[in-house]
Amino acid sequence: MASKKFFYDTSKFVNVEFAKREAELLVGQDLNKLFNNKDAIKLFTEEIYPIIKLAEYLNMNEIYFCGNTNRSIDAQIKNLSGDIVNVECTTSINGHYKNLLREYNKEYGYCTVVPHSKSYNIDCIESACSSDIVYSGTQHKRKFVNQEDLDTTKTFESGIIDVRKYVIEDIEKIQNKIDKGNNANLYRDFVLVLVCEHSIDQLQVNKYQVLISEYWESVETNPFSALFIVNYDCLLFKQMYSISKLNPLYVPIPILYLGTKKKLYELWILHLVKKSSNILELFF
């Protein structure tokens, strides 16, 4: 059976507003039933929808989703003047951990998850607490340790949100892309999109932004022209969109944009000018 074609399965640029509407139609449904496999969901949530959010944020006109045909570019976004910006995506979402959660739930029917829950191989069981997943073996031959049998003393600490832990995870992924770009002469003037999945509310976003900004400004050799970060979190979604028919599990929330190159700065100024009825409002 052939895979179902979606709006981004094309070799042409598509209108940003069209892509936004189509994405919202998809996340108004159950993606697990809509898409034919986990890789398709991963592509949509970790590349397609975040790129649409970036294009919308920069007030771009068109998008070309070229990740399936061009390994060095995930997408290109274009403004009304025809200027094109290349996009590269990365993620700090732990896909292996999410798969383990699904497997554990299938076996036990329920699992305890807190903001900083992790997965551990059984060889490292001493580091785990009762909100973590401890396993041995590979898929289809997996065995789990029941959470009720794990240490409870560290569970409370693991449940307290520590934004610095999120920042460390994200910086690692960002730096990996920067290093790859510097070593292989890639991503020159690209926008880097980081997709994360952190339990973080509006009051904690500012601290996250400050810490990431300090890191980004400290990078001496950076091929990327800008950094755009989106986060998947139901609590943050409900704080931002109190009334919505969209599935909060699958809607990326933009939480940070940092530009470093003149070209992207000029694009952002144009975006502000278009939104402002009086150009003086940009400066006063």
Protein backbone atom coordinates (compact mmCIF):
# COMPACT_ATOMS: atom_id res chain seq x y z
CA MET A 1 0.00 0.00 0.00
CA ALA A 2 1.43 3.36 -1.05
CA SER A 3 2.06 6.00 1.59
CA LYS A 4 -0.46 8.81 1.75
CA LYS A 5 0.75 12.08 0.23
CA PHE A 6 0.60 15.24 2.30
CA PHE A 7 0.98 18.91 1.42
CA TYR A 8 4.73 18.87 2.03
CA ASP A 9 5.37 15.89 -0.29
CA THR A 10 6.19 18.11 -3.26
CA SER A 11 9.23 19.32 -5.16
CA LYS A 12 7.86 22.87 -5.34
CA PHE A 13 7.55 25.85 -3.02
CA VAL A 14 4.19 26.06 -1.25
CA ASN A 15 2.48 29.09 0.23
CA VAL A 16 3.14 29.53 3.97
CA GLU A 17 -0.49 30.28 4.83
CA PHE A 18 -1.57 27.19 2.91
CA ALA A 19 1.01 25.06 4.74
CA LYS A 20 -0.12 26.49 8.09
CA ARG A 21 -3.77 25.65 7.40
CA GLU A 22 -2.90 22.14 6.25
CA ALA A 23 -0.75 21.52 9.33
CA GLU A 24 -3.54 22.69 11.62
CA LEU A 25 -5.97 20.34 9.88
CA LEU A 26 -3.59 17.46 10.60
CA VAL A 27 -3.11 18.28 14.29
CA GLY A 28 -6.85 18.53 14.73
CA GLN A 29 -6.81 14.75 14.26
CA ASP A 30 -5.10 11.74 15.81
CA LEU A 31 -1.67 11.65 14.18
CA ASN A 32 -1.08 8.06 15.29
CA LYS A 33 -4.02 7.01 13.12
CA LEU A 34 -3.38 9.52 10.36
CA PHE A 35 0.26 8.71 9.66
CA ASN A 36 1.37 5.24 8.61
CA ASN A 37 4.46 4.96 10.85
CA LYS A 38 6.46 6.62 13.63
CA ASP A 39 9.00 8.03 11.18
CA ALA A 40 6.23 9.98 9.44
CA ILE A 41 5.09 11.48 12.75
CA LYS A 42 8.70 12.27 13.61
CA LEU A 43 9.21 14.07 10.29
CA PHE A 44 6.04 16.13 10.73
CA THR A 45 6.62 17.10 14.38
CA GLU A 46 10.40 17.60 14.29
CA GLU A 47 10.76 19.26 10.88
CA ILE A 48 7.63 20.16 8.92
CA TYR A 49 5.53 21.97 11.53
CA PRO A 50 8.49 23.75 13.23
CA ILE A 51 9.67 25.01 9.81
CA ILE A 52 6.19 26.38 9.16
CA LYS A 53 6.36 28.20 12.50
CA LEU A 54 9.73 29.69 11.52
CA ALA A 55 8.42 30.86 8.15
CA GLU A 56 5.40 32.40 9.86
CA TYR A 57 7.62 34.11 12.46
CA LEU A 58 9.87 35.65 9.78
CA ASN A 59 6.87 36.63 7.68
CA MET A 60 8.07 34.52 4.75
CA ASN A 61 5.86 33.81 1.79
CA GLU A 62 6.78 30.31 0.60
CA ILE A 63 8.39 27.07 1.82
CA TYR A 64 10.08 24.22 0.00
CA PHE A 65 10.35 21.09 2.15
CA CYS A 66 13.41 19.51 0.57
CA GLY A 67 14.66 17.30 3.41
CA ASN A 68 13.68 14.07 1.66
CA THR A 69 15.62 14.91 -1.50
CA ASN A 70 18.48 17.06 -0.19
CA ARG A 71 20.39 15.73 2.80
CA SER A 72 22.18 19.03 3.41
CA ILE A 73 19.04 21.23 3.51
CA ASP A 74 15.83 20.45 5.38
CA ALA A 75 13.88 23.35 3.87
CA GLN A 76 14.09 26.66 2.07
CA ILE A 77 11.92 29.62 2.95
CA LYS A 78 11.41 32.56 0.60
CA ASN A 79 10.09 36.09 1.06
CA LEU A 80 8.10 38.20 -1.40
CA SER A 81 11.33 39.64 -2.87
CA GLY A 82 12.54 36.14 -3.71
CA ASP A 83 15.27 36.03 -1.06
CA ILE A 84 15.82 32.44 0.07
CA VAL A 85 16.96 31.27 3.51
CA ASN A 86 18.09 27.68 4.05
CA VAL A 87 16.93 25.79 7.13
CA GLU A 88 18.50 22.93 9.12
CA CYS A 89 16.63 21.15 11.92
CA THR A 90 17.78 19.31 15.00
CA THR A 91 16.08 18.05 18.13
CA SER A 92 16.78 17.31 21.77
CA ILE A 93 13.73 15.04 21.98
CA ASN A 94 14.85 11.60 23.15
CA GLY A 95 13.13 9.27 20.73
CA HIS A 96 14.57 6.16 22.38
CA TYR A 97 13.10 7.19 25.74
CA LYS A 98 9.69 7.84 24.18
CA ASN A 99 9.72 4.39 22.57
CA LEU A 100 10.57 2.84 25.93
CA LEU A 101 7.66 4.68 27.55
CA ARG A 102 5.27 3.23 24.98
CA GLU A 103 6.63 -0.26 25.51
CA TYR A 104 6.44 0.06 29.31
CA ASN A 105 2.87 1.35 29.12
CA LYS A 106 1.93 -1.53 26.88
CA GLU A 107 3.28 -4.02 29.41
CA TYR A 108 2.12 -2.41 32.67
CA GLY A 109 -0.72 -0.18 31.50
CA TYR A 110 0.57 2.87 33.35
CA CYS A 111 3.85 4.58 34.20
CA THR A 112 4.92 7.52 36.33
CA VAL A 113 6.55 10.37 34.43
CA VAL A 114 7.91 13.63 35.88
CA PRO A 115 9.73 16.53 34.13
CA HIS A 116 13.20 15.00 34.37
CA SER A 117 12.37 11.32 33.99
CA LYS A 118 15.01 9.29 32.16
CA SER A 119 15.69 5.79 30.94
CA TYR A 120 18.49 3.58 32.24
CA ASN A 121 19.90 0.27 31.18
CA ILE A 122 19.60 -2.22 34.00
CA ASP A 123 23.39 -2.03 34.48
CA CYS A 124 22.84 1.54 35.79
CA ILE A 125 19.80 0.78 37.94
CA GLU A 126 21.40 2.44 40.98
CA SER A 127 21.01 5.84 39.25
CA ALA A 128 17.29 5.40 38.60
CA CYS A 129 14.33 6.49 40.68
CA SER A 130 10.69 5.39 40.65
CA SER A 131 9.79 7.84 37.85
CA ASP A 132 12.42 6.47 35.48
CA ILE A 133 12.36 3.57 33.02
CA VAL A 134 14.86 0.76 33.66
CA TYR A 135 15.18 -1.85 30.94
CA SER A 136 17.31 -4.62 29.50
CA GLY A 137 17.40 -6.19 26.05
CA THR A 138 16.28 -4.83 22.70
CA GLN A 139 12.86 -4.26 21.13
CA HIS A 140 10.71 -7.43 21.09
CA LYS A 141 13.10 -8.94 23.64
CA ARG A 142 12.75 -6.11 26.16
CA LYS A 143 12.37 -6.55 29.87
CA PHE A 144 11.48 -3.79 32.31
CA VAL A 145 11.94 -3.27 36.02
CA ASN A 146 8.63 -2.29 37.59
CA GLN A 147 8.79 1.33 38.72
CA GLU A 148 7.33 0.30 42.07
CA ASP A 149 10.53 -1.62 42.73
CA LEU A 150 12.81 1.36 42.09
CA ASP A 151 14.27 3.86 44.55
CA THR A 152 11.77 6.53 45.66
CA THR A 153 14.21 8.88 47.42
CA LYS A 154 15.20 10.76 44.24
CA THR A 155 11.74 10.95 42.70
CA PHE A 156 10.75 14.27 44.30
CA GLU A 157 13.95 15.93 43.13
CA SER A 158 13.45 14.61 39.61
CA GLY A 159 9.95 16.08 39.58
CA ILE A 160 11.11 19.66 40.27
CA ILE A 161 11.67 21.55 37.02
CA ASP A 162 15.28 22.65 36.60
CA VAL A 163 15.53 24.81 33.46
CA ARG A 164 19.32 24.46 33.49
CA LYS A 165 18.99 20.74 32.79
CA TYR A 166 16.92 21.50 29.70
CA VAL A 167 19.45 24.10 28.57
CA ILE A 168 22.33 21.61 28.89
CA GLU A 169 20.45 19.09 26.73
CA ASP A 170 19.64 21.68 24.06
CA ILE A 171 23.11 23.25 23.95
CA GLU A 172 24.60 19.82 23.32
CA LYS A 173 22.43 19.36 20.22
CA ILE A 174 23.02 22.92 18.98
CA GLN A 175 26.77 22.62 19.45
CA ASN A 176 26.82 19.32 17.57
CA LYS A 177 25.33 21.06 14.53
CA ILE A 178 27.71 24.01 14.83
CA ASP A 179 30.71 21.66 15.04
CA LYS A 180 29.48 19.69 12.03
CA GLY A 181 29.03 22.90 10.07
CA ASN A 182 32.48 24.19 10.95
CA ASN A 183 34.22 20.87 10.27
CA ALA A 184 32.48 20.11 6.97
CA ASN A 185 31.95 23.69 5.76
CA LEU A 186 28.17 23.33 5.91
CA TYR A 187 25.17 25.47 6.98
CA ARG A 188 26.65 28.84 5.98
CA ASP A 189 23.99 31.46 6.81
CA PHE A 190 21.37 28.76 7.53
CA VAL A 191 18.76 29.15 10.23
CA LEU A 192 19.05 26.36 12.79
CA VAL A 193 15.73 25.11 14.17
CA LEU A 194 15.89 23.26 17.48
CA VAL A 195 12.85 21.21 18.47
CA CYS A 196 12.52 20.34 22.15
CA GLU A 197 9.96 18.81 24.49
CA HIS A 198 10.35 20.37 27.92
CA SER A 199 7.86 20.73 30.77
CA ILE A 200 8.13 24.49 31.09
CA ASP A 201 5.57 27.21 31.71
CA GLN A 202 5.48 30.89 30.77
CA LEU A 203 7.17 31.99 33.99
CA GLN A 204 10.20 29.80 33.28
CA VAL A 205 10.62 30.57 29.58
CA ASN A 206 12.55 33.79 30.25
CA LYS A 207 15.23 32.02 32.27
CA TYR A 208 15.58 29.46 29.49
CA GLN A 209 15.88 32.25 26.91
CA VAL A 210 18.58 34.06 28.89
CA LEU A 211 20.72 30.94 29.33
CA ILE A 212 20.48 29.90 25.68
CA SER A 213 21.18 33.47 24.54
CA GLU A 214 24.31 33.66 26.69
CA TYR A 215 25.58 30.44 25.13
CA TRP A 216 24.69 31.50 21.56
CA GLU A 217 26.48 34.83 21.93
CA SER A 218 29.58 33.07 23.26
CA VAL A 219 30.04 30.92 20.14
CA GLU A 220 33.08 32.31 18.33
CA THR A 221 32.72 30.50 14.99
CA ASN A 222 29.12 29.89 14.03
CA PRO A 223 28.04 29.00 10.48
CA PHE A 224 24.38 29.61 11.30
CA SER A 225 22.80 33.01 10.88
CA ALA A 226 20.07 32.45 13.44
CA LEU A 227 18.58 30.05 15.97
CA PHE A 228 14.86 29.32 16.28
CA ILE A 229 13.56 27.11 19.09
CA VAL A 230 10.12 25.53 19.43
CA ASN A 231 8.86 23.45 22.32
CA TYR A 232 6.18 20.78 22.61
CA ASP A 233 4.39 20.92 25.96
CA CYS A 234 0.68 20.67 26.74
CA LEU A 235 0.84 23.04 29.72
CA LEU A 236 2.60 25.77 27.77
CA PHE A 237 0.20 25.27 24.85
CA LYS A 238 -2.82 25.75 27.12
CA GLN A 239 -1.25 28.87 28.63
CA MET A 240 -0.65 30.32 25.18
CA TYR A 241 -3.88 29.16 23.52
CA SER A 242 -6.64 28.88 26.09
CA ILE A 243 -9.20 28.04 23.41
CA SER A 244 -8.13 25.75 20.59
CA LYS A 245 -9.34 22.66 18.75
CA LEU A 246 -5.77 21.61 17.98
CA ASN A 247 -4.15 18.66 19.71
CA PRO A 248 -1.68 20.24 22.19
CA LEU A 249 0.60 17.21 21.93
CA TYR A 250 1.52 18.12 18.36
CA VAL A 251 1.66 21.92 18.22
CA PRO A 252 5.15 23.46 18.46
CA ILE A 253 5.32 26.63 20.55
CA PRO A 254 8.02 29.15 19.47
CA ILE A 255 10.01 30.16 22.55
CA LEU A 256 13.16 31.81 21.17
CA TYR A 257 14.59 33.44 18.06
CA LEU A 258 18.20 34.65 17.95
CA GLY A 259 19.78 36.20 14.86
CA THR A 260 23.49 36.77 14.34
CA LYS A 261 23.91 37.84 10.73
CA LYS A 262 22.93 41.08 9.03
CA LYS A 263 20.78 39.43 6.37
CA LEU A 264 18.43 37.85 8.87
CA TYR A 265 18.36 41.04 10.92
CA GLU A 266 17.21 42.93 7.84
CA LEU A 267 14.52 40.33 7.16
CA TRP A 268 13.22 40.72 10.71
CA ILE A 269 13.15 44.52 10.41
CA LEU A 270 11.10 44.15 7.23
CA HIS A 271 8.73 41.91 9.17
CA LEU A 272 8.31 44.61 11.82
CA VAL A 273 7.83 47.34 9.23
CA LYS A 274 5.02 45.39 7.58
CA LYS A 275 3.31 44.95 10.93
CA SER A 276 3.72 48.59 11.98
CA SER A 277 1.41 51.33 10.74
CA ASN A 278 4.04 53.93 11.66
CA ILE A 279 7.74 53.24 11.12
CA LEU A 280 8.56 55.43 14.12
CA GLU A 281 6.95 52.79 16.32
CA LEU A 282 9.99 50.62 15.59
CA PHE A 283 12.26 52.99 17.46
CA PHE A 284 10.12 54.73 20.09
